[in-house]
Protein backbone atom coordinates (compact mmCIF):
# COMPACT_ATOMS: atom_id res chain seq x y z
CA MET A 1 3.10 -73.32 -75.24
CA ILE A 2 3.88 -70.01 -73.57
CA THR A 3 6.72 -68.27 -75.39
CA LYS A 4 9.84 -66.93 -73.75
CA ASN A 5 8.82 -63.48 -74.96
CA VAL A 6 6.37 -63.13 -72.09
CA CYS A 7 8.04 -61.80 -68.98
CA LEU A 8 9.15 -64.76 -66.91
CA PHE A 9 7.78 -63.39 -63.69
CA LEU A 10 4.30 -63.44 -65.20
CA LEU A 11 4.46 -66.96 -66.48
CA MET A 12 6.73 -68.98 -64.26
CA GLY A 13 6.18 -67.08 -61.06
CA CYS A 14 9.29 -67.94 -59.04
CA TRP A 15 11.67 -65.20 -60.01
CA GLN A 16 14.72 -64.42 -57.95
CA LEU A 17 14.85 -60.99 -56.39
CA PHE A 18 17.41 -59.78 -53.93
CA PHE A 19 17.96 -56.80 -51.70
CA SER A 20 20.41 -54.22 -53.06
CA THR A 21 21.66 -50.97 -51.64
CA SER A 22 22.43 -49.50 -55.07
CA LYS A 23 20.01 -47.17 -56.81
CA ALA A 24 19.80 -46.25 -60.47
CA GLN A 25 19.46 -42.59 -61.34
CA SER A 26 15.81 -41.68 -61.71
CA ASN A 27 14.37 -40.78 -65.07
CA ASN A 28 10.96 -39.95 -63.58
CA PRO A 29 8.54 -38.80 -64.65
CA LEU A 30 8.74 -40.25 -68.16
CA ASP A 31 7.51 -38.13 -71.03
CA VAL A 32 4.50 -40.44 -71.39
CA ALA A 33 1.08 -39.14 -70.33
CA PHE A 34 -0.54 -42.43 -69.35
CA GLY A 35 -2.64 -43.65 -66.49
CA ASP A 36 -2.59 -47.33 -65.55
CA PRO A 37 0.68 -48.11 -67.39
CA PHE A 38 1.76 -51.61 -68.42
CA VAL A 39 5.09 -52.55 -70.06
CA LEU A 40 5.77 -55.69 -72.10
CA TYR A 41 9.27 -56.81 -73.07
CA ASP A 42 9.16 -58.51 -76.47
CA GLN A 43 12.15 -60.76 -77.11
CA GLU A 44 11.43 -61.08 -80.81
CA THR A 45 11.87 -57.36 -81.45
CA ASP A 46 14.16 -56.83 -78.44
CA ALA A 47 12.11 -53.85 -77.32
CA TYR A 48 9.83 -52.70 -74.53
CA TYR A 49 6.26 -51.69 -75.33
CA MET A 50 4.14 -49.52 -73.05
CA TYR A 51 0.35 -49.34 -73.01
CA GLY A 52 -1.93 -47.31 -70.81
CA THR A 53 -5.04 -45.18 -70.39
CA GLY A 54 -5.03 -42.02 -72.50
CA GLY A 55 -3.45 -40.72 -75.67
CA VAL A 56 -6.44 -41.27 -77.95
CA GLU A 57 -10.22 -41.21 -77.65
CA HIS A 58 -12.02 -44.57 -77.86
CA GLY A 59 -8.88 -46.66 -77.97
CA PHE A 60 -5.26 -47.08 -76.99
CA VAL A 61 -1.84 -45.93 -78.17
CA ALA A 62 1.55 -47.48 -77.49
CA TYR A 63 5.14 -46.38 -76.96
CA SER A 64 8.30 -48.41 -77.52
CA SER A 65 11.79 -48.20 -76.06
CA LYS A 66 15.11 -50.00 -76.17
CA ASP A 67 16.40 -48.69 -72.82
CA LEU A 68 13.31 -47.79 -70.70
CA LYS A 69 14.39 -44.14 -70.83
CA GLN A 70 13.69 -42.86 -74.34
CA TRP A 71 10.20 -43.72 -75.54
CA GLU A 72 8.89 -43.48 -79.11
CA HIS A 73 5.20 -42.87 -79.79
CA ARG A 74 3.93 -45.72 -81.98
CA GLY A 75 0.45 -44.40 -82.66
CA THR A 76 -2.96 -45.97 -82.15
CA VAL A 77 -2.81 -49.73 -81.57
CA TYR A 78 -6.49 -50.30 -80.77
CA THR A 79 -9.56 -48.34 -81.86
CA ALA A 80 -13.26 -48.87 -81.23
CA GLN A 81 -13.84 -48.04 -84.88
CA GLN A 82 -13.98 -51.70 -85.89
CA ASP A 83 -16.69 -54.24 -86.65
CA LYS A 84 -16.37 -56.26 -83.44
CA SER A 85 -16.11 -53.36 -81.01
CA TRP A 86 -18.37 -53.68 -77.97
CA GLY A 87 -17.18 -50.61 -76.03
CA THR A 88 -18.41 -47.06 -76.42
CA LYS A 89 -16.21 -44.94 -74.13
CA ASP A 90 -13.80 -44.94 -71.16
CA PHE A 91 -11.20 -47.29 -72.59
CA TRP A 92 -8.98 -48.02 -69.60
CA ALA A 93 -6.12 -50.10 -68.21
CA PRO A 94 -4.84 -52.23 -71.11
CA GLU A 95 -2.48 -55.11 -70.36
CA VAL A 96 -0.81 -57.08 -73.20
CA TYR A 97 0.47 -60.66 -73.03
CA LYS A 98 2.16 -62.80 -75.69
CA ARG A 99 0.90 -66.34 -76.10
CA GLY A 100 1.26 -68.76 -79.01
CA GLY A 101 2.86 -66.17 -81.26
CA LYS A 102 0.05 -63.65 -80.79
CA TYR A 103 -0.42 -60.63 -78.54
CA TYR A 104 -3.55 -60.37 -76.39
CA MET A 105 -4.80 -57.10 -74.94
CA PHE A 106 -7.12 -57.18 -71.93
CA TYR A 107 -8.86 -53.84 -71.39
CA SER A 108 -11.86 -52.17 -69.75
CA ALA A 109 -14.59 -50.13 -71.47
CA HIS A 110 -18.21 -49.05 -71.19
CA TRP A 111 -20.42 -51.80 -72.68
CA LYS A 112 -22.90 -50.72 -75.34
CA GLU A 113 -25.48 -53.27 -74.14
CA ASN A 114 -26.99 -51.10 -71.42
CA PRO A 115 -30.77 -51.57 -71.19
CA ASN A 116 -31.00 -49.89 -67.78
CA ASP A 117 -28.90 -46.90 -68.87
CA GLU A 118 -26.33 -47.43 -66.12
CA LEU A 119 -23.81 -44.60 -65.70
CA GLU A 120 -21.03 -47.14 -65.16
CA ASN A 121 -21.54 -50.18 -67.36
CA TYR A 122 -17.92 -51.34 -67.53
CA ARG A 123 -16.74 -54.79 -68.57
CA ILE A 124 -13.43 -56.40 -69.62
CA GLY A 125 -12.67 -57.44 -73.18
CA ILE A 126 -9.87 -59.02 -75.20
CA ALA A 127 -8.34 -57.96 -78.50
CA THR A 128 -5.54 -59.70 -80.38
CA SER A 129 -2.76 -58.80 -82.82
CA THR A 130 0.25 -60.38 -84.52
CA HIS A 131 2.48 -57.46 -83.48
CA PRO A 132 2.87 -55.52 -80.21
CA THR A 133 1.96 -52.27 -82.00
CA GLY A 134 -1.26 -53.70 -83.39
CA PRO A 135 -3.69 -53.33 -84.84
CA PHE A 136 -5.52 -55.15 -82.06
CA ILE A 137 -8.84 -56.65 -83.13
CA ASP A 138 -11.57 -57.65 -80.70
CA LEU A 139 -11.94 -61.41 -80.41
CA THR A 140 -15.70 -61.82 -80.14
CA GLY A 141 -17.54 -58.51 -80.26
CA ARG A 142 -18.54 -58.93 -76.60
CA PRO A 143 -16.91 -58.58 -73.20
CA LEU A 144 -15.16 -61.65 -71.81
CA PHE A 145 -18.00 -62.25 -69.32
CA ASP A 146 -20.79 -60.45 -67.50
CA PRO A 147 -20.79 -60.86 -63.69
CA GLY A 148 -23.86 -58.64 -63.36
CA TYR A 149 -22.01 -55.57 -62.07
CA PRO A 150 -19.46 -53.15 -63.60
CA ILE A 151 -15.84 -54.34 -63.60
CA ILE A 152 -12.47 -52.86 -64.62
CA ASP A 153 -8.70 -53.43 -64.37
CA GLY A 154 -8.23 -56.94 -65.73
CA ASN A 155 -4.93 -58.64 -64.83
CA VAL A 156 -3.95 -62.21 -65.81
CA TYR A 157 -1.68 -64.61 -63.94
CA PHE A 158 -0.18 -67.57 -65.81
CA ALA A 159 0.44 -70.33 -63.26
CA GLU A 160 3.24 -72.86 -63.64
CA ASP A 161 0.69 -75.71 -63.76
CA GLY A 162 -0.82 -74.20 -66.92
CA ARG A 163 -3.89 -72.70 -65.28
CA LEU A 164 -4.80 -69.06 -65.85
CA TYR A 165 -6.40 -66.63 -63.43
CA LEU A 166 -8.15 -63.34 -64.10
CA TYR A 167 -8.23 -60.61 -61.45
CA TYR A 168 -10.46 -57.54 -61.67
CA SER A 169 -12.09 -54.81 -59.62
CA ARG A 170 -15.81 -54.51 -59.07
CA CYS A 171 -16.59 -50.80 -59.44
CA CYS A 172 -17.80 -48.69 -56.54
CA TYR A 173 -20.91 -47.83 -58.54
CA LYS A 174 -24.07 -48.88 -56.71
CA ASN A 175 -22.09 -50.83 -54.12
CA PRO A 176 -22.77 -49.01 -50.82
CA VAL A 177 -21.19 -50.86 -47.89
CA GLN A 178 -21.85 -50.62 -44.17
CA SER A 179 -18.66 -50.12 -42.16
CA GLU A 180 -17.37 -48.13 -39.23
CA ILE A 181 -15.89 -45.66 -41.71
CA ALA A 182 -19.28 -45.25 -43.40
CA ALA A 183 -20.97 -44.75 -40.02
CA TRP A 184 -18.32 -42.19 -39.01
CA ALA A 185 -18.67 -40.25 -42.26
CA LYS A 186 -22.44 -40.08 -41.87
CA GLN A 187 -22.14 -39.00 -38.24
CA GLN A 188 -19.78 -36.22 -39.29
CA GLY A 189 -22.32 -35.03 -41.87
CA MET A 190 -19.87 -35.73 -44.70
CA PHE A 191 -21.57 -38.49 -46.72
CA ASP A 192 -24.82 -40.45 -46.39
CA GLU A 193 -23.24 -43.63 -47.73
CA ILE A 194 -19.86 -44.96 -48.82
CA GLU A 195 -19.51 -47.02 -51.99
CA GLU A 196 -16.63 -49.48 -52.34
CA SER A 197 -14.78 -51.37 -55.05
CA TRP A 198 -13.62 -54.92 -54.36
CA ILE A 199 -11.06 -57.16 -56.07
CA TYR A 200 -12.17 -60.57 -57.34
CA GLY A 201 -10.35 -63.50 -58.90
CA VAL A 202 -11.61 -66.26 -61.19
CA GLU A 203 -10.04 -69.03 -63.25
CA LEU A 204 -9.73 -68.26 -66.95
CA ALA A 205 -9.93 -70.72 -69.84
CA SER A 206 -6.61 -71.37 -71.58
CA ASP A 207 -7.93 -69.94 -74.85
CA PHE A 208 -9.30 -66.81 -73.11
CA SER A 209 -12.81 -67.71 -74.30
CA HIS A 210 -14.56 -67.79 -70.92
CA VAL A 211 -14.12 -67.85 -67.15
CA ILE A 212 -14.35 -71.06 -65.15
CA GLY A 213 -16.50 -71.19 -62.04
CA GLU A 214 -17.68 -68.30 -59.92
CA PRO A 215 -15.50 -65.28 -59.01
CA THR A 216 -14.00 -65.21 -55.52
CA LEU A 217 -13.85 -62.03 -53.43
CA LEU A 218 -10.18 -61.49 -52.56
CA LEU A 219 -9.67 -57.95 -51.23
CA ARG A 220 -11.90 -55.14 -49.96
CA PRO A 221 -11.51 -52.04 -47.77
CA PRO A 222 -11.46 -52.61 -43.99
CA ILE A 223 -14.75 -52.73 -42.10
CA SER A 224 -13.33 -51.63 -38.74
CA ARG A 225 -11.61 -48.32 -38.07
CA ASP A 226 -9.22 -50.22 -35.78
CA ASP A 227 -7.92 -52.23 -38.73
CA LYS A 228 -4.32 -51.19 -39.46
CA GLN A 229 -5.17 -50.76 -43.14
CA SER A 230 -8.16 -48.51 -42.48
CA GLU A 231 -6.32 -45.19 -42.18
CA TRP A 232 -4.49 -45.27 -45.52
CA GLU A 233 -7.27 -46.97 -47.49
CA SER A 234 -9.89 -44.44 -46.30
CA ARG A 235 -8.08 -41.16 -46.96
CA SER A 236 -10.36 -40.16 -49.85
CA VAL A 237 -13.29 -40.37 -47.45
CA THR A 238 -11.72 -38.96 -44.29
CA SER A 239 -10.34 -35.97 -46.24
CA GLY A 240 -13.85 -35.23 -47.51
CA GLU A 241 -12.78 -35.79 -51.11
CA VAL A 242 -15.41 -38.33 -52.20
CA ASN A 243 -17.81 -40.93 -50.79
CA ARG A 244 -15.92 -43.90 -52.20
CA ARG A 245 -13.24 -46.33 -51.07
CA TRP A 246 -11.37 -48.14 -53.83
CA THR A 247 -9.57 -51.47 -54.04
CA GLU A 248 -8.41 -51.68 -57.64
CA GLY A 249 -5.51 -51.99 -60.08
CA SER A 250 -4.53 -55.46 -58.85
CA TYR A 251 -1.36 -57.16 -60.05
CA LEU A 252 -0.43 -60.72 -59.05
CA PHE A 253 2.97 -62.45 -59.03
CA LYS A 254 4.58 -65.36 -57.19
CA HIS A 255 7.82 -65.50 -55.20
CA ASN A 256 9.10 -68.33 -52.97
CA ASN A 257 5.77 -70.20 -53.13
CA LEU A 258 3.90 -67.10 -51.98
CA TYR A 259 1.41 -65.17 -54.09
CA TYR A 260 1.69 -61.39 -53.90
CA MET A 261 -1.19 -59.17 -54.93
CA MET A 262 -0.35 -55.49 -55.32
CA TYR A 263 -3.34 -53.13 -55.37
CA SER A 264 -4.26 -49.44 -55.23
CA ALA A 265 -6.58 -47.61 -52.85
CA ASN A 266 -8.20 -44.15 -52.73
CA HIS A 267 -9.39 -41.87 -55.53
CA PHE A 268 -7.41 -42.36 -58.73
CA GLY A 269 -7.78 -38.66 -59.49
CA GLY A 270 -6.57 -37.43 -56.11
CA GLU A 271 -3.32 -37.04 -54.23
CA ASN A 272 -3.99 -39.95 -51.84
CA TYR A 273 -3.88 -42.72 -54.45
CA ALA A 274 -1.42 -45.29 -53.07
CA VAL A 275 -0.24 -48.89 -53.43
CA GLY A 276 -0.27 -51.76 -50.96
CA TYR A 277 -0.01 -55.52 -51.21
CA ALA A 278 -1.36 -58.75 -49.75
CA THR A 279 -0.10 -62.34 -49.77
CA ALA A 280 -1.62 -65.81 -49.99
CA SER A 281 -0.58 -69.43 -50.43
CA ASN A 282 -3.13 -69.92 -53.21
CA PRO A 283 -3.81 -67.75 -56.29
CA LEU A 284 -7.44 -67.37 -55.18
CA GLY A 285 -6.61 -66.58 -51.58
CA PRO A 286 -7.36 -66.01 -48.82
CA PHE A 287 -5.08 -62.94 -48.93
CA GLU A 288 -3.62 -61.14 -45.93
CA LYS A 289 -2.67 -57.50 -46.28
CA SER A 290 0.85 -56.45 -45.35
CA ALA A 291 1.42 -54.57 -42.09
CA THR A 292 3.87 -52.34 -43.99
CA ASN A 293 1.22 -50.89 -46.32
CA PRO A 294 1.23 -48.56 -48.14
CA ILE A 295 4.52 -49.27 -49.90
CA LEU A 296 4.12 -46.47 -52.46
CA GLN A 297 2.43 -43.15 -51.74
CA LYS A 298 2.70 -39.38 -52.12
CA ASN A 299 5.75 -37.60 -50.75
CA ILE A 300 4.43 -34.02 -50.89
CA SER A 301 3.78 -34.20 -47.13
CA HIS A 302 7.52 -34.71 -46.58
CA GLY A 303 9.03 -32.09 -48.86
CA GLY A 304 8.63 -34.03 -52.11
CA ILE A 305 6.72 -33.13 -55.27
CA VAL A 306 4.93 -36.39 -56.18
CA SER A 307 1.33 -37.40 -55.46
CA GLY A 308 -1.34 -39.71 -56.82
CA THR A 309 0.96 -42.75 -57.03
CA GLY A 310 -0.95 -45.82 -58.13
CA HIS A 311 -2.30 -48.48 -60.48
CA ASN A 312 0.99 -50.30 -60.85
CA SER A 313 2.22 -53.25 -62.87
CA LEU A 314 5.64 -54.92 -62.78
CA LEU A 315 8.35 -55.36 -65.41
CA ARG A 316 11.41 -57.58 -65.26
CA ASP A 317 13.93 -56.03 -67.66
CA LYS A 318 16.60 -57.77 -69.74
CA GLU A 319 19.13 -57.42 -66.93
CA GLY A 320 16.83 -59.03 -64.39
CA LYS A 321 15.90 -55.88 -62.47
CA VAL A 322 12.24 -55.65 -61.50
CA TRP A 323 10.51 -52.31 -61.94
CA CYS A 324 7.29 -51.05 -60.44
CA VAL A 325 5.53 -49.24 -63.28
CA TYR A 326 2.89 -46.76 -62.12
CA HIS A 327 1.38 -43.36 -62.77
CA ALA A 328 1.65 -40.25 -60.62
CA ARG A 329 1.61 -36.45 -60.71
CA THR A 330 4.12 -33.81 -59.68
CA THR A 331 3.73 -30.24 -58.53
CA LYS A 332 5.79 -29.25 -61.59
CA THR A 333 3.76 -31.14 -64.20
CA GLY A 334 0.29 -30.44 -62.81
CA SER A 335 -2.77 -32.69 -62.87
CA GLN A 336 -1.76 -34.82 -65.84
CA ARG A 337 -0.88 -38.42 -65.00
CA LEU A 338 2.62 -39.42 -66.09
CA VAL A 339 4.48 -42.73 -66.00
CA PHE A 340 7.06 -43.56 -63.32
CA LEU A 341 9.44 -46.53 -63.04
CA ASP A 342 11.01 -47.32 -59.68
CA GLU A 343 12.80 -50.48 -58.58
CA LEU A 344 10.88 -53.15 -56.67
CA LYS A 345 12.78 -55.17 -54.08
CA ILE A 346 11.88 -58.16 -51.93
CA LEU A 347 13.69 -58.38 -48.60
CA PRO A 348 14.83 -61.76 -47.22
CA ASN A 349 11.73 -61.81 -44.98
CA GLY A 350 9.46 -61.45 -48.03
CA GLN A 351 8.63 -57.78 -47.50
CA LEU A 352 8.08 -55.68 -50.63
CA ILE A 353 9.78 -52.31 -51.01
CA VAL A 354 9.40 -49.80 -53.84
CA ASP A 355 12.31 -47.37 -54.08
CA GLY A 356 10.11 -44.42 -54.86
CA PRO A 357 8.58 -42.18 -55.79
CA THR A 358 11.73 -40.72 -57.33
CA VAL A 359 12.21 -37.85 -59.74
CA LYS A 360 15.07 -36.96 -62.06
CA PRO A 361 17.53 -34.31 -60.76
């Protein structure tokens, strides 16, 4: 049975959100140097726990908080220095869920089984612990599954019918795609080819031991330049930054019988990293991207100081407010990625709005 300690919006899906004109005072950026942040509220300890990319080599650290403002460093919660470790480097994007009295961490890393010496040999694994601050121990000594290409950014949706779904991003690595953007970039003499990352979904066994069936392609960058999503999802290419278009950092939730998939596009290390969303009537799609995308992006072009806003998750706090948890940079703090929390709202017509990026006075 799924415990009440897991955030209800993850497990039960239909959570009630409403439009509000009030805004809480910003505490952004938090004094937490994470990329890809994820926050779990644990009812048993009545505390919030944050996980993310960074803080330790070959592993993960955690922070805890009682109020989402002051965060305490809790040290290393997962390390590759263990018997069942399968990863060698690039430990990224941990997400932690509570199920059956245990905590399960899904994370990405570079797989040591690499006979072809691939530069990006990423897979998704699972580690478990009896406490949110670890130690987390790998379940099997291997990644969850091997689709035959590098994957990152695992996110799990717990459906109300008891089924589980895993979402992930196929890496750009060795995935060149023909599109009007790729043709334009080559014509301009910018790049010979454009690699893309795509988001897939697949059913997951209830004991996390394996995936069920074949993965389904859910989201990818636009093929046509006339597509309304093409401009914002191609900025890393059109600015000359890099020959890649990303669709990554997916996060799925359900509201009013509609499945929302939030995702990030553009280079995670650049200023154009931004968040959009798509909706579907089924957890495995087909998904339609919102005409209002992006819903979270840099504000430095409009007098602000924030850029690189992306790879979000969601948190429903004890008071019922839903927060968009993401990383970003500011002109004051430099290139280091820091954690931001801004309120997520759903309008009566189903449109998502993130009240951000905000910064403390």
